[in-house]
Amino acid sequence: MDHVPFMRENGIAAFAEADRSTGVIRVEKIGSLEYWSLFQELVLYSDADRLYESTGDEFPFRIWGQGEIGCLVSRITEDLAAALFFNSALSGKAQIDWIEELDKKVRALYEGAD
């Protein structure tokens, strides 16, 4: 699946898709982040299972952050998770609202894609 139009529209610098059934993490990068250490920790130095499970057990998505670098990890299906990396100057309620909307948008990408 080509995520580039979605990424451009939503200010996403890197998109990682973790498929636990195959053990593959597919990455698309179109932008730049001030720091890549969060991306390295969650994607490069990880595996599909760990990235998927990084959301925890209680929620369908989790927000990670490092300074103004953010990452939304969304569980899409029982085997698939998407991690979106972005620069954000938002904070507090504005950031939470934006991330919740972003989670809905990324889930919509996969609706009917079976």
Protein backbone atom coordinates (compact mmCIF):
# COMPACT_ATOMS: atom_id res chain seq x y z
CA MET A 1 0.00 0.00 0.00
CA ASP A 2 1.33 3.45 -0.91
CA HIS A 3 1.02 5.72 2.11
CA VAL A 4 2.77 8.75 0.59
CA PRO A 5 -0.38 10.82 -0.15
CA PHE A 6 -1.66 10.16 3.39
CA MET A 7 1.74 11.06 4.83
CA ARG A 8 1.94 14.35 2.93
CA GLU A 9 -1.60 15.31 3.88
CA ASN A 10 -1.00 14.67 7.59
CA GLY A 11 2.60 15.81 8.07
CA ILE A 12 4.00 12.30 8.62
CA ALA A 13 7.77 12.00 8.09
CA ALA A 14 7.96 8.19 8.37
CA PHE A 15 5.38 5.41 8.32
CA ALA A 16 6.18 1.90 9.56
CA GLU A 17 3.81 -1.02 9.12
CA ALA A 18 4.47 -4.04 11.36
CA ASP A 19 2.96 -7.37 10.29
CA ARG A 20 3.28 -9.98 13.03
CA SER A 21 2.05 -12.79 10.75
CA THR A 22 5.09 -12.37 8.49
CA GLY A 23 7.50 -10.72 10.93
CA VAL A 24 8.05 -7.87 8.45
CA ILE A 25 8.22 -4.14 9.16
CA ARG A 26 7.73 -2.07 6.01
CA VAL A 27 8.92 1.56 6.14
CA GLU A 28 8.12 4.60 4.01
CA LYS A 29 10.01 7.83 4.66
CA ILE A 30 9.26 11.14 2.95
CA GLY A 31 10.27 13.71 5.51
CA SER A 32 12.85 14.56 8.07
CA LEU A 33 12.79 14.44 11.85
CA GLU A 34 15.02 16.48 14.13
CA TYR A 35 15.87 13.28 16.03
CA TRP A 36 15.65 9.72 14.72
CA SER A 37 16.36 7.93 18.02
CA LEU A 38 12.67 7.24 18.71
CA PHE A 39 12.31 5.75 15.20
CA GLN A 40 15.46 3.68 15.75
CA GLU A 41 14.23 2.36 19.09
CA LEU A 42 10.70 1.47 17.93
CA VAL A 43 11.47 0.31 14.38
CA LEU A 44 15.13 -0.30 13.51
CA TYR A 45 16.20 -1.93 16.77
CA SER A 46 12.93 -3.80 17.20
CA ASP A 47 10.85 -6.42 15.42
CA ALA A 48 7.24 -6.66 14.24
CA ASP A 49 6.01 -8.26 17.48
CA ARG A 50 7.65 -5.66 19.73
CA LEU A 51 6.41 -2.74 17.64
CA TYR A 52 2.87 -4.16 17.66
CA GLU A 53 3.00 -4.78 21.41
CA SER A 54 4.39 -1.31 22.14
CA THR A 55 0.79 -0.08 22.42
CA GLY A 56 0.34 -2.10 25.61
CA ASP A 57 -2.66 -4.25 26.41
CA GLU A 58 -5.29 -1.71 27.35
CA PHE A 59 -5.51 0.66 24.38
CA PRO A 60 -5.69 0.29 20.58
CA PHE A 61 -3.02 2.99 20.18
CA ARG A 62 -0.18 4.61 22.06
CA ILE A 63 1.63 7.92 21.77
CA TRP A 64 5.40 8.10 22.10
CA GLY A 65 7.35 11.33 22.19
CA GLN A 66 10.82 12.80 22.34
CA GLY A 67 10.89 16.59 22.44
CA GLU A 68 8.88 17.76 19.44
CA ILE A 69 9.08 14.34 17.75
CA GLY A 70 5.99 12.22 18.12
CA CYS A 71 4.96 8.71 17.20
CA LEU A 72 1.50 7.21 17.08
CA VAL A 73 1.43 3.40 17.12
CA SER A 74 -2.03 2.05 16.20
CA ARG A 75 -3.13 -1.57 16.34
CA ILE A 76 -5.02 -2.01 13.08
CA THR A 77 -5.83 -5.74 13.18
CA GLU A 78 -4.78 -8.73 15.31
CA ASP A 79 -1.53 -8.93 13.33
CA LEU A 80 -0.97 -5.44 11.93
CA ALA A 81 0.17 -2.19 13.54
CA ALA A 82 1.09 1.16 12.01
CA ALA A 83 3.62 3.59 13.48
CA LEU A 84 3.52 7.21 12.29
CA PHE A 85 6.43 9.54 13.09
CA PHE A 86 5.98 13.30 12.93
CA ASN A 87 7.27 16.67 14.12
CA SER A 88 4.79 18.49 16.33
CA ALA A 89 4.86 21.72 18.28
CA LEU A 90 1.42 20.95 19.72
CA SER A 91 1.05 20.12 23.38
CA GLY A 92 -1.59 19.18 25.89
CA LYS A 93 -5.19 18.82 24.76
CA ALA A 94 -4.46 20.10 21.23
CA GLN A 95 -1.94 17.33 20.66
CA ILE A 96 -4.22 14.64 22.14
CA ASP A 97 -7.11 15.77 19.90
CA TRP A 98 -4.87 15.81 16.80
CA ILE A 99 -3.49 12.33 17.59
CA GLU A 100 -6.95 10.86 18.18
CA GLU A 101 -8.01 12.22 14.78
CA LEU A 102 -4.82 10.85 13.19
CA ASP A 103 -5.56 7.41 14.67
CA LYS A 104 -9.02 7.47 13.06
CA LYS A 105 -7.50 8.49 9.72
CA VAL A 106 -4.87 5.75 9.72
CA ARG A 107 -7.49 3.14 10.57
CA ALA A 108 -9.64 4.38 7.67
CA LEU A 109 -6.73 3.61 5.32
CA TYR A 110 -7.15 -0.07 6.09
CA GLU A 111 -10.95 -0.33 6.05
CA GLY A 112 -12.00 -2.71 3.32
CA ALA A 113 -8.37 -3.44 2.35
CA ASP A 114 -8.65 -7.19 3.03
